[in-house]
Structures are given as structure tokens and as C-alpha cells.
Amino acid sequence: MNPADTAALLAGAHSARVQVRTRADLAPQSAGDAYAVQDLVYAAVRGGQRVTAWKVGGPDDKVEPTASPVLRVLKTPARVAAGDFHMIGVEAEVAYKLARDLPPRDVPYSDKEIADAVSQAVVAIEICDTRLADWKEAPDLWKLADFQSNGALVTGPGTRWWRDIDFRAQRAQLLADGRLLADVTGAHPYGDPFRLLPWIVAHCARRCGGLRAGDLVTTGSWGGMHLVQPGCEVMARFPGIGDARLVLAKD
């Protein structure tokens, strides 16, 4: 496959606001292929802007994580048109905001250096969407090429004292119109979401010249993805950290 051809298919889906079906002849053959597609599509749909927010995650620490640019970043309380999305999935997440640059260098950054570069951990709602009409059956590498189903990220308040949090005992709730979708404790796949940061720092150093001050990294779902309907109000709540709110407007 040629990443440029796969990227053209997906970029066309973005610009026309339609979904497309996966094709065997355009299928990514490796994570590297999928990342090349991501870079080309992001450049096409964002006019060459630099990526300032990333998502990173995996099912557990026995599997290589995956990464994707975040397409849109919004601040709570956010209001977006539900019609902007084909599928509306929501997830409660913890994201880290950087206070200093982490450029490429020969010696890997230590965990302490990375932690010292983090200004705060913030509550986030990821809006999940897909440009793939056959997303339920699509191979994982196709989903990775399609920004790992990212649609947008809503960020809420956070804390500078995130290193004092025992994330294995942290509670997380996700609500839609006041109805609990998830109420979990210590549910992050890696136990402590910070464990993903050394990987994404190294990944971005190789891929895009490193992370910079002000960049965001969101670290995956607490309690899974939940499909919601247009018109609802979504809230992610992490007691001791904060809340993020999102209205999916019908108009």
C-alpha cells in the first residue's frame, strides 16, 4: 500500500464529511504505515498546523501502546454540533499538560524529567468518531490510521499535585444527562496513566520533533467508550481533580 493513497481516501472523507469503506489494497500493513497516514491526513485537514494534543493508550502494559493526533481541543464547558460527527462515543480520561519542551535528544528522558515537565493533570472527555463506514469490522491498523477513532477532546480543570494521587484508587464517573454511564475506581488499563508518558515522549521525539510546552497528552479511557445521542449533556468527573462538561447540540 501507498500511505498517500490511503490518506487521500481518509482526507476526502473528512472534507466531504462522509464515511468510507476500508479497501484491502489500501490497508496499512504496519503501525508505521498507519502513522504515516495519520500525518498526511492531519496535514491535509488542518492546513499543515502542528499537532498540539496527542492520545496514547493500549489495552494493558503487555501490549505496545498506540498514538494519534487529537483533531480538535475544546475547553469545558464545551458545546459542539452533534452533526459534526458520524458516531458519537464519549470517554472519561486524564490528560497531562506540559510546562516545558521535551525535544529529541540522544539520552532518553527519565521518568522524573518527564514528570517535572508536566504542569498538571486535567479531566478530559474524548469524543470518539470514525470516518470508516465499516468500523465495527475494520482491522485495527485501519482504525489506527483513522486517528484511533478520535473526533475531539474536551479538557476541564486539573491539579498541579497529580503526583500525590494514587490513580489505582482514583474514582471516575461518566454521565449523560445525569445518568451514570460509568462509575469506576482504579480502572485505567495501565494502573497509573503516567506510565504511558515515557512512551509517547519517545514516540513524538522520533516522529515530529518532540513535545512542547502547552501540549496535551490524553491517556485513554476509564470505564470504556459509550455511545450517546445528539442533544445530551455529558460530564466526566474525577473527584479530587475536577469535572469536564460537553453539550452535543442538535442544531
C-alpha atoms as a PDB file:
ATOM      1  CA  MET A   1       0.000   0.000   0.000  1.00  0.00           C
ATOM      2  CA  ASN A   2       0.978   3.598  -0.557  1.00  0.00           C
ATOM      3  CA  PRO A   3       0.252   5.746   2.544  1.00  0.00           C
ATOM      4  CA  ALA A   4      -0.524   8.696   0.287  1.00  0.00           C
ATOM      5  CA  ASP A   5      -3.364   6.799  -1.393  1.00  0.00           C
ATOM      6  CA  THR A   6      -4.871   5.710   1.920  1.00  0.00           C
ATOM      7  CA  ALA A   7      -4.500   9.254   3.249  1.00  0.00           C
ATOM      8  CA  ALA A   8      -6.265  10.641   0.179  1.00  0.00           C
ATOM      9  CA  LEU A   9      -9.244   8.374   0.860  1.00  0.00           C
ATOM     10  CA  LEU A  10      -9.490   9.427   4.507  1.00  0.00           C
ATOM     11  CA  ALA A  11      -8.787  13.111   3.880  1.00  0.00           C
ATOM     12  CA  GLY A  12     -11.569  13.062   1.304  1.00  0.00           C
ATOM     13  CA  ALA A  13     -13.913  11.611   3.905  1.00  0.00           C
ATOM     14  CA  HIS A  14     -13.035  14.464   6.274  1.00  0.00           C
ATOM     15  CA  SER A  15     -13.536  17.192   3.696  1.00  0.00           C
ATOM     16  CA  ALA A  16     -16.819  15.754   2.388  1.00  0.00           C
ATOM     17  CA  ARG A  17     -17.991  14.829   5.910  1.00  0.00           C
ATOM     18  CA  VAL A  18     -18.818  11.306   4.823  1.00  0.00           C
ATOM     19  CA  GLN A  19     -17.751   7.820   5.804  1.00  0.00           C
ATOM     20  CA  VAL A  20     -15.819   5.493   3.501  1.00  0.00           C
ATOM     21  CA  ARG A  21     -15.358   1.741   3.438  1.00  0.00           C
ATOM     22  CA  THR A  22     -11.971   0.170   4.006  1.00  0.00           C
ATOM     23  CA  ARG A  23     -10.187  -1.338   0.999  1.00  0.00           C
ATOM     24  CA  ALA A  24      -7.791  -4.250   1.052  1.00  0.00           C
ATOM     25  CA  ASP A  25      -5.463  -2.596  -1.455  1.00  0.00           C
ATOM     26  CA  LEU A  26      -5.150   0.499   0.764  1.00  0.00           C
ATOM     27  CA  ALA A  27      -4.834  -1.312   4.089  1.00  0.00           C
ATOM     28  CA  PRO A  28      -1.902  -0.266   6.321  1.00  0.00           C
ATOM     29  CA  GLN A  29       0.495  -3.148   6.818  1.00  0.00           C
ATOM     30  CA  SER A  30       2.156  -1.864   9.994  1.00  0.00           C
ATOM     31  CA  ALA A  31       1.815   0.752  12.698  1.00  0.00           C
ATOM     32  CA  GLY A  32       4.403   2.772  10.795  1.00  0.00           C
ATOM     33  CA  ASP A  33       2.125   2.796   7.750  1.00  0.00           C
ATOM     34  CA  ALA A  34      -0.802   3.915   9.912  1.00  0.00           C
ATOM     35  CA  TYR A  35       1.224   6.730  11.473  1.00  0.00           C
ATOM     36  CA  ALA A  36       2.331   7.900   8.029  1.00  0.00           C
ATOM     37  CA  VAL A  37      -1.335   8.046   7.009  1.00  0.00           C
ATOM     38  CA  GLN A  38      -2.215   9.983  10.160  1.00  0.00           C
ATOM     39  CA  ASP A  39       0.460  12.576   9.443  1.00  0.00           C
ATOM     40  CA  LEU A  40      -0.695  13.065   5.860  1.00  0.00           C
ATOM     41  CA  VAL A  41      -4.375  13.309   6.768  1.00  0.00           C
ATOM     42  CA  TYR A  42      -3.733  15.697   9.656  1.00  0.00           C
ATOM     43  CA  ALA A  43      -1.678  17.951   7.392  1.00  0.00           C
ATOM     44  CA  ALA A  44      -4.493  17.923   4.829  1.00  0.00           C
ATOM     45  CA  VAL A  45      -7.376  18.624   7.200  1.00  0.00           C
ATOM     46  CA  ARG A  46      -5.512  21.061   9.484  1.00  0.00           C
ATOM     47  CA  GLY A  47      -3.672  23.003   6.821  1.00  0.00           C
ATOM     48  CA  GLY A  48      -0.211  21.977   7.948  1.00  0.00           C
ATOM     49  CA  GLN A  49      -0.714  23.091  11.555  1.00  0.00           C
ATOM     50  CA  ARG A  50       1.470  21.474  14.176  1.00  0.00           C
ATOM     51  CA  VAL A  51      -0.125  18.811  16.380  1.00  0.00           C
ATOM     52  CA  THR A  52      -0.580  20.188  19.912  1.00  0.00           C
ATOM     53  CA  ALA A  53      -2.513  17.318  21.502  1.00  0.00           C
ATOM     54  CA  TRP A  54      -1.994  13.570  21.359  1.00  0.00           C
ATOM     55  CA  LYS A  55      -3.849  10.488  22.505  1.00  0.00           C
ATOM     56  CA  VAL A  56      -1.927   7.446  23.666  1.00  0.00           C
ATOM     57  CA  GLY A  57      -3.150   4.166  25.044  1.00  0.00           C
ATOM     58  CA  GLY A  58      -3.397   0.429  24.917  1.00  0.00           C
ATOM     59  CA  PRO A  59      -5.338  -2.434  26.473  1.00  0.00           C
ATOM     60  CA  ASP A  60      -2.633  -3.100  29.074  1.00  0.00           C
ATOM     61  CA  ASP A  61       1.101  -2.767  29.690  1.00  0.00           C
ATOM     62  CA  LYS A  62       1.850  -6.040  27.890  1.00  0.00           C
ATOM     63  CA  VAL A  63       0.934  -4.524  24.519  1.00  0.00           C
ATOM     64  CA  GLU A  64       2.775  -1.790  22.620  1.00  0.00           C
ATOM     65  CA  PRO A  65       0.813   1.462  23.016  1.00  0.00           C
ATOM     66  CA  THR A  66      -0.520   3.357  20.035  1.00  0.00           C
ATOM     67  CA  ALA A  67      -0.689   7.092  19.432  1.00  0.00           C
ATOM     68  CA  SER A  68      -2.688   9.560  17.389  1.00  0.00           C
ATOM     69  CA  PRO A  69      -3.012  13.308  16.962  1.00  0.00           C
ATOM     70  CA  VAL A  70      -6.133  14.805  18.523  1.00  0.00           C
ATOM     71  CA  LEU A  71      -8.179  16.573  15.871  1.00  0.00           C
ATOM     72  CA  ARG A  72      -9.830  19.307  17.980  1.00  0.00           C
ATOM     73  CA  VAL A  73      -9.285  20.554  21.530  1.00  0.00           C
ATOM     74  CA  LEU A  74     -12.126  22.339  23.343  1.00  0.00           C
ATOM     75  CA  LYS A  75     -12.384  23.737  26.856  1.00  0.00           C
ATOM     76  CA  THR A  76     -15.163  22.957  29.293  1.00  0.00           C
ATOM     77  CA  PRO A  77     -17.989  23.815  29.252  1.00  0.00           C
ATOM     78  CA  ALA A  78     -17.927  22.892  25.566  1.00  0.00           C
ATOM     79  CA  ARG A  79     -20.794  22.973  23.097  1.00  0.00           C
ATOM     80  CA  VAL A  80     -20.400  21.239  19.755  1.00  0.00           C
ATOM     81  CA  ALA A  81     -22.782  20.371  16.957  1.00  0.00           C
ATOM     82  CA  ALA A  82     -23.701  16.702  17.103  1.00  0.00           C
ATOM     83  CA  GLY A  83     -23.973  16.810  13.328  1.00  0.00           C
ATOM     84  CA  ASP A  84     -20.191  17.237  13.130  1.00  0.00           C
ATOM     85  CA  PHE A  85     -19.810  13.549  13.978  1.00  0.00           C
ATOM     86  CA  HIS A  86     -20.898  10.280  12.377  1.00  0.00           C
ATOM     87  CA  MET A  87     -20.746   8.288  15.591  1.00  0.00           C
ATOM     88  CA  ILE A  88     -20.744   9.939  18.998  1.00  0.00           C
ATOM     89  CA  GLY A  89     -18.815   7.960  21.564  1.00  0.00           C
ATOM     90  CA  VAL A  90     -17.578   9.528  24.800  1.00  0.00           C
ATOM     91  CA  GLU A  91     -14.879   8.516  27.236  1.00  0.00           C
ATOM     92  CA  ALA A  92     -13.707   9.863  30.599  1.00  0.00           C
ATOM     93  CA  GLU A  93      -9.947  10.392  30.575  1.00  0.00           C
ATOM     94  CA  VAL A  94      -6.997  12.011  32.331  1.00  0.00           C
ATOM     95  CA  ALA A  95      -4.740  14.217  30.225  1.00  0.00           C
ATOM     96  CA  TYR A  96      -1.367  15.741  31.058  1.00  0.00           C
ATOM     97  CA  LYS A  97      -0.370  19.290  30.102  1.00  0.00           C
ATOM     98  CA  LEU A  98       3.292  20.120  29.589  1.00  0.00           C
ATOM     99  CA  ALA A  99       5.015  23.167  31.027  1.00  0.00           C
ATOM    100  CA  ARG A 100       8.273  22.775  29.101  1.00  0.00           C
ATOM    101  CA  ASP A 101       9.610  21.373  25.855  1.00  0.00           C
ATOM    102  CA  LEU A 102      10.814  17.783  25.523  1.00  0.00           C
ATOM    103  CA  PRO A 103      12.826  17.880  22.287  1.00  0.00           C
ATOM    104  CA  PRO A 104      14.668  14.893  20.806  1.00  0.00           C
ATOM    105  CA  ARG A 105      17.995  14.016  22.370  1.00  0.00           C
ATOM    106  CA  ASP A 106      20.425  11.107  22.412  1.00  0.00           C
ATOM    107  CA  VAL A 107      19.770  10.103  26.028  1.00  0.00           C
ATOM    108  CA  PRO A 108      16.167   9.086  26.852  1.00  0.00           C
ATOM    109  CA  TYR A 109      14.341  11.272  29.340  1.00  0.00           C
ATOM    110  CA  SER A 110      13.998   9.816  32.804  1.00  0.00           C
ATOM    111  CA  ASP A 111      10.560   9.468  34.361  1.00  0.00           C
ATOM    112  CA  LYS A 112      11.470  12.259  36.780  1.00  0.00           C
ATOM    113  CA  GLU A 113      12.437  14.620  33.963  1.00  0.00           C
ATOM    114  CA  ILE A 114       9.153  13.936  32.207  1.00  0.00           C
ATOM    115  CA  ALA A 115       7.162  14.374  35.422  1.00  0.00           C
ATOM    116  CA  ASP A 116       8.955  17.662  36.088  1.00  0.00           C
ATOM    117  CA  ALA A 117       7.884  18.823  32.620  1.00  0.00           C
ATOM    118  CA  VAL A 118       4.186  18.236  33.402  1.00  0.00           C
ATOM    119  CA  SER A 119       2.328  21.277  34.728  1.00  0.00           C
ATOM    120  CA  GLN A 120      -0.895  19.495  35.634  1.00  0.00           C
ATOM    121  CA  ALA A 121      -3.188  16.537  35.106  1.00  0.00           C
ATOM    122  CA  VAL A 122      -6.622  17.536  33.823  1.00  0.00           C
ATOM    123  CA  VAL A 123     -10.003  15.872  33.383  1.00  0.00           C
ATOM    124  CA  ALA A 124     -10.937  15.223  29.775  1.00  0.00           C
ATOM    125  CA  ILE A 125     -13.772  13.893  27.665  1.00  0.00           C
ATOM    126  CA  GLU A 126     -12.721  12.298  24.418  1.00  0.00           C
ATOM    127  CA  ILE A 127     -15.328  12.458  21.674  1.00  0.00           C
ATOM    128  CA  CYS A 128     -14.860   9.338  19.581  1.00  0.00           C
ATOM    129  CA  ASP A 129     -15.854   9.272  15.932  1.00  0.00           C
ATOM    130  CA  THR A 130     -14.959   7.337  12.821  1.00  0.00           C
ATOM    131  CA  ARG A 131     -14.603   8.046   9.148  1.00  0.00           C
ATOM    132  CA  LEU A 132     -14.918   4.301   8.457  1.00  0.00           C
ATOM    133  CA  ALA A 133     -18.365   3.072   7.443  1.00  0.00           C
ATOM    134  CA  ASP A 134     -17.376  -0.484   8.381  1.00  0.00           C
ATOM    135  CA  TRP A 135     -15.599   0.478  11.598  1.00  0.00           C
ATOM    136  CA  LYS A 136     -17.006  -2.421  13.610  1.00  0.00           C
ATOM    137  CA  GLU A 137     -15.285  -4.932  11.338  1.00  0.00           C
ATOM    138  CA  ALA A 138     -12.329  -2.807  10.256  1.00  0.00           C
ATOM    139  CA  PRO A 139      -8.839  -4.124  11.107  1.00  0.00           C
ATOM    140  CA  ASP A 140      -7.068  -2.380  13.969  1.00  0.00           C
ATOM    141  CA  LEU A 141      -4.498  -0.774  11.662  1.00  0.00           C
ATOM    142  CA  TRP A 142      -7.274   0.916   9.700  1.00  0.00           C
ATOM    143  CA  LYS A 143      -8.674   2.303  12.958  1.00  0.00           C
ATOM    144  CA  LEU A 144      -5.200   3.488  13.913  1.00  0.00           C
ATOM    145  CA  ALA A 145      -4.814   5.223  10.564  1.00  0.00           C
ATOM    146  CA  ASP A 146      -8.183   6.903  11.207  1.00  0.00           C
ATOM    147  CA  PHE A 147      -6.770   8.685  14.284  1.00  0.00           C
ATOM    148  CA  GLN A 148      -7.691   5.767  16.535  1.00  0.00           C
ATOM    149  CA  SER A 149     -11.334   6.952  16.255  1.00  0.00           C
ATOM    150  CA  ASN A 150     -10.617  10.428  17.634  1.00  0.00           C
ATOM    151  CA  GLY A 151     -13.102  13.199  16.966  1.00  0.00           C
ATOM    152  CA  ALA A 152     -12.207  15.823  19.572  1.00  0.00           C
ATOM    153  CA  LEU A 153     -11.078  16.331  23.167  1.00  0.00           C
ATOM    154  CA  VAL A 154     -12.753  18.455  25.825  1.00  0.00           C
ATOM    155  CA  THR A 155     -10.480  19.481  28.684  1.00  0.00           C
ATOM    156  CA  GLY A 156     -11.545  20.542  32.147  1.00  0.00           C
ATOM    157  CA  PRO A 157      -9.795  21.688  35.311  1.00  0.00           C
ATOM    158  CA  GLY A 158      -6.918  19.813  36.823  1.00  0.00           C
ATOM    159  CA  THR A 159      -4.357  19.721  39.570  1.00  0.00           C
ATOM    160  CA  ARG A 160      -0.681  20.551  39.908  1.00  0.00           C
ATOM    161  CA  TRP A 161      -0.476  17.956  42.665  1.00  0.00           C
ATOM    162  CA  TRP A 162      -1.146  14.984  40.398  1.00  0.00           C
ATOM    163  CA  ARG A 163       1.937  13.156  41.695  1.00  0.00           C
ATOM    164  CA  ASP A 164       0.196  12.830  45.061  1.00  0.00           C
ATOM    165  CA  ILE A 165      -2.747  10.948  43.519  1.00  0.00           C
ATOM    166  CA  ASP A 166      -2.982   7.184  43.863  1.00  0.00           C
ATOM    167  CA  PHE A 167      -4.512   6.544  40.459  1.00  0.00           C
ATOM    168  CA  ARG A 168      -5.111   2.908  41.363  1.00  0.00           C
ATOM    169  CA  ALA A 169      -7.630   4.214  43.905  1.00  0.00           C
ATOM    170  CA  GLN A 170      -8.923   7.119  41.780  1.00  0.00           C
ATOM    171  CA  ARG A 171     -12.667   7.183  41.086  1.00  0.00           C
ATOM    172  CA  ALA A 172     -14.004   8.216  37.679  1.00  0.00           C
ATOM    173  CA  GLN A 173     -17.568   8.818  36.576  1.00  0.00           C
ATOM    174  CA  LEU A 174     -19.103   9.453  33.180  1.00  0.00           C
ATOM    175  CA  LEU A 175     -22.656  10.772  32.944  1.00  0.00           C
ATOM    176  CA  ALA A 176     -25.078  11.662  30.145  1.00  0.00           C
ATOM    177  CA  ASP A 177     -27.998  13.894  31.167  1.00  0.00           C
ATOM    178  CA  GLY A 178     -27.305  12.905  34.765  1.00  0.00           C
ATOM    179  CA  ARG A 179     -27.454   9.178  34.050  1.00  0.00           C
ATOM    180  CA  LEU A 180     -24.386   7.197  35.048  1.00  0.00           C
ATOM    181  CA  LEU A 181     -22.673   5.542  32.111  1.00  0.00           C
ATOM    182  CA  ALA A 182     -19.625   4.509  34.111  1.00  0.00           C
ATOM    183  CA  ASP A 183     -18.619   4.643  37.763  1.00  0.00           C
ATOM    184  CA  VAL A 184     -15.234   3.005  38.227  1.00  0.00           C
ATOM    185  CA  THR A 185     -12.261   3.062  40.566  1.00  0.00           C
ATOM    186  CA  GLY A 186      -8.664   2.400  39.594  1.00  0.00           C
ATOM    187  CA  ALA A 187      -9.841   1.458  36.105  1.00  0.00           C
ATOM    188  CA  HIS A 188      -7.035   2.787  33.940  1.00  0.00           C
ATOM    189  CA  PRO A 189      -5.545  -0.059  31.834  1.00  0.00           C
ATOM    190  CA  TYR A 190      -2.013   0.857  32.968  1.00  0.00           C
ATOM    191  CA  GLY A 191      -2.918   1.420  36.607  1.00  0.00           C
ATOM    192  CA  ASP A 192      -1.175   4.787  36.611  1.00  0.00           C
ATOM    193  CA  PRO A 193      -1.763   6.728  33.361  1.00  0.00           C
ATOM    194  CA  PHE A 194       1.607   8.487  33.731  1.00  0.00           C
ATOM    195  CA  ARG A 195       3.250   5.199  32.732  1.00  0.00           C
ATOM    196  CA  LEU A 196       2.297   5.989  29.129  1.00  0.00           C
ATOM    197  CA  LEU A 197       4.149   9.305  29.043  1.00  0.00           C
ATOM    198  CA  PRO A 198       7.713   7.988  28.568  1.00  0.00           C
ATOM    199  CA  TRP A 199       6.492   6.027  25.550  1.00  0.00           C
ATOM    200  CA  ILE A 200       4.697   8.976  23.923  1.00  0.00           C
ATOM    201  CA  VAL A 201       7.644  11.295  24.644  1.00  0.00           C
ATOM    202  CA  ALA A 202       9.974   8.905  22.802  1.00  0.00           C
ATOM    203  CA  HIS A 203       7.424   8.366  20.034  1.00  0.00           C
ATOM    204  CA  CYS A 204       6.983  12.090  19.384  1.00  0.00           C
ATOM    205  CA  ALA A 205      10.732  12.685  19.530  1.00  0.00           C
ATOM    206  CA  ARG A 206      11.154  10.264  16.630  1.00  0.00           C
ATOM    207  CA  ARG A 207       8.052  11.309  14.771  1.00  0.00           C
ATOM    208  CA  CYS A 208       7.593  15.052  14.986  1.00  0.00           C
ATOM    209  CA  GLY A 209      10.488  16.743  16.753  1.00  0.00           C
ATOM    210  CA  GLY A 210       9.200  16.183  20.262  1.00  0.00           C
ATOM    211  CA  LEU A 211       6.570  17.646  22.539  1.00  0.00           C
ATOM    212  CA  ARG A 212       6.449  21.303  23.506  1.00  0.00           C
ATOM    213  CA  ALA A 213       5.253  23.432  26.401  1.00  0.00           C
ATOM    214  CA  GLY A 214       1.473  23.680  26.299  1.00  0.00           C
ATOM    215  CA  ASP A 215       0.988  20.348  24.542  1.00  0.00           C
ATOM    216  CA  LEU A 216      -1.588  17.900  25.877  1.00  0.00           C
ATOM    217  CA  VAL A 217      -1.415  14.114  26.114  1.00  0.00           C
ATOM    218  CA  THR A 218      -4.586  12.207  26.920  1.00  0.00           C
ATOM    219  CA  THR A 219      -4.071   8.697  28.170  1.00  0.00           C
ATOM    220  CA  GLY A 220      -7.087   6.514  27.460  1.00  0.00           C
ATOM    221  CA  SER A 221     -10.482   5.590  28.764  1.00  0.00           C
ATOM    222  CA  TRP A 222     -11.650   4.985  32.301  1.00  0.00           C
ATOM    223  CA  GLY A 223     -14.758   2.821  32.014  1.00  0.00           C
ATOM    224  CA  GLY A 224     -14.864   2.376  28.243  1.00  0.00           C
ATOM    225  CA  MET A 225     -16.476   4.184  25.333  1.00  0.00           C
ATOM    226  CA  HIS A 226     -20.200   4.898  25.498  1.00  0.00           C
ATOM    227  CA  LEU A 227     -22.404   5.925  22.585  1.00  0.00           C
ATOM    228  CA  VAL A 228     -24.641   8.926  23.248  1.00  0.00           C
ATOM    229  CA  GLN A 229     -27.383  10.740  21.373  1.00  0.00           C
ATOM    230  CA  PRO A 230     -27.498  14.273  19.941  1.00  0.00           C
ATOM    231  CA  GLY A 231     -28.839  16.796  22.407  1.00  0.00           C
ATOM    232  CA  CYS A 232     -27.377  15.240  25.543  1.00  0.00           C
ATOM    233  CA  GLU A 233     -25.052  16.776  28.102  1.00  0.00           C
ATOM    234  CA  VAL A 234     -22.022  14.706  29.041  1.00  0.00           C
ATOM    235  CA  MET A 235     -19.946  15.083  32.189  1.00  0.00           C
ATOM    236  CA  ALA A 236     -16.716  13.380  33.197  1.00  0.00           C
ATOM    237  CA  ARG A 237     -15.950  13.595  36.904  1.00  0.00           C
ATOM    238  CA  PHE A 238     -12.733  12.665  38.684  1.00  0.00           C
ATOM    239  CA  PRO A 239     -13.187  13.528  42.392  1.00  0.00           C
ATOM    240  CA  GLY A 240     -10.210  15.481  43.627  1.00  0.00           C
ATOM    241  CA  ILE A 241      -9.229  16.513  40.107  1.00  0.00           C
ATOM    242  CA  GLY A 242     -12.314  18.094  38.544  1.00  0.00           C
ATOM    243  CA  ASP A 243     -15.202  17.862  36.067  1.00  0.00           C
ATOM    244  CA  ALA A 244     -15.466  18.399  32.328  1.00  0.00           C
ATOM    245  CA  ARG A 245     -18.755  19.106  30.570  1.00  0.00           C
ATOM    246  CA  LEU A 246     -19.898  18.793  26.979  1.00  0.00           C
ATOM    247  CA  VAL A 247     -23.215  19.591  25.268  1.00  0.00           C
ATOM    248  CA  LEU A 248     -23.834  17.850  21.952  1.00  0.00           C
ATOM    249  CA  ALA A 249     -26.189  20.357  20.373  1.00  0.00           C
ATOM    250  CA  LYS A 250     -28.745  19.163  17.835  1.00  0.00           C
ATOM    251  CA  ASP A 251     -28.554  22.418  15.874  1.00  0.00           C
END
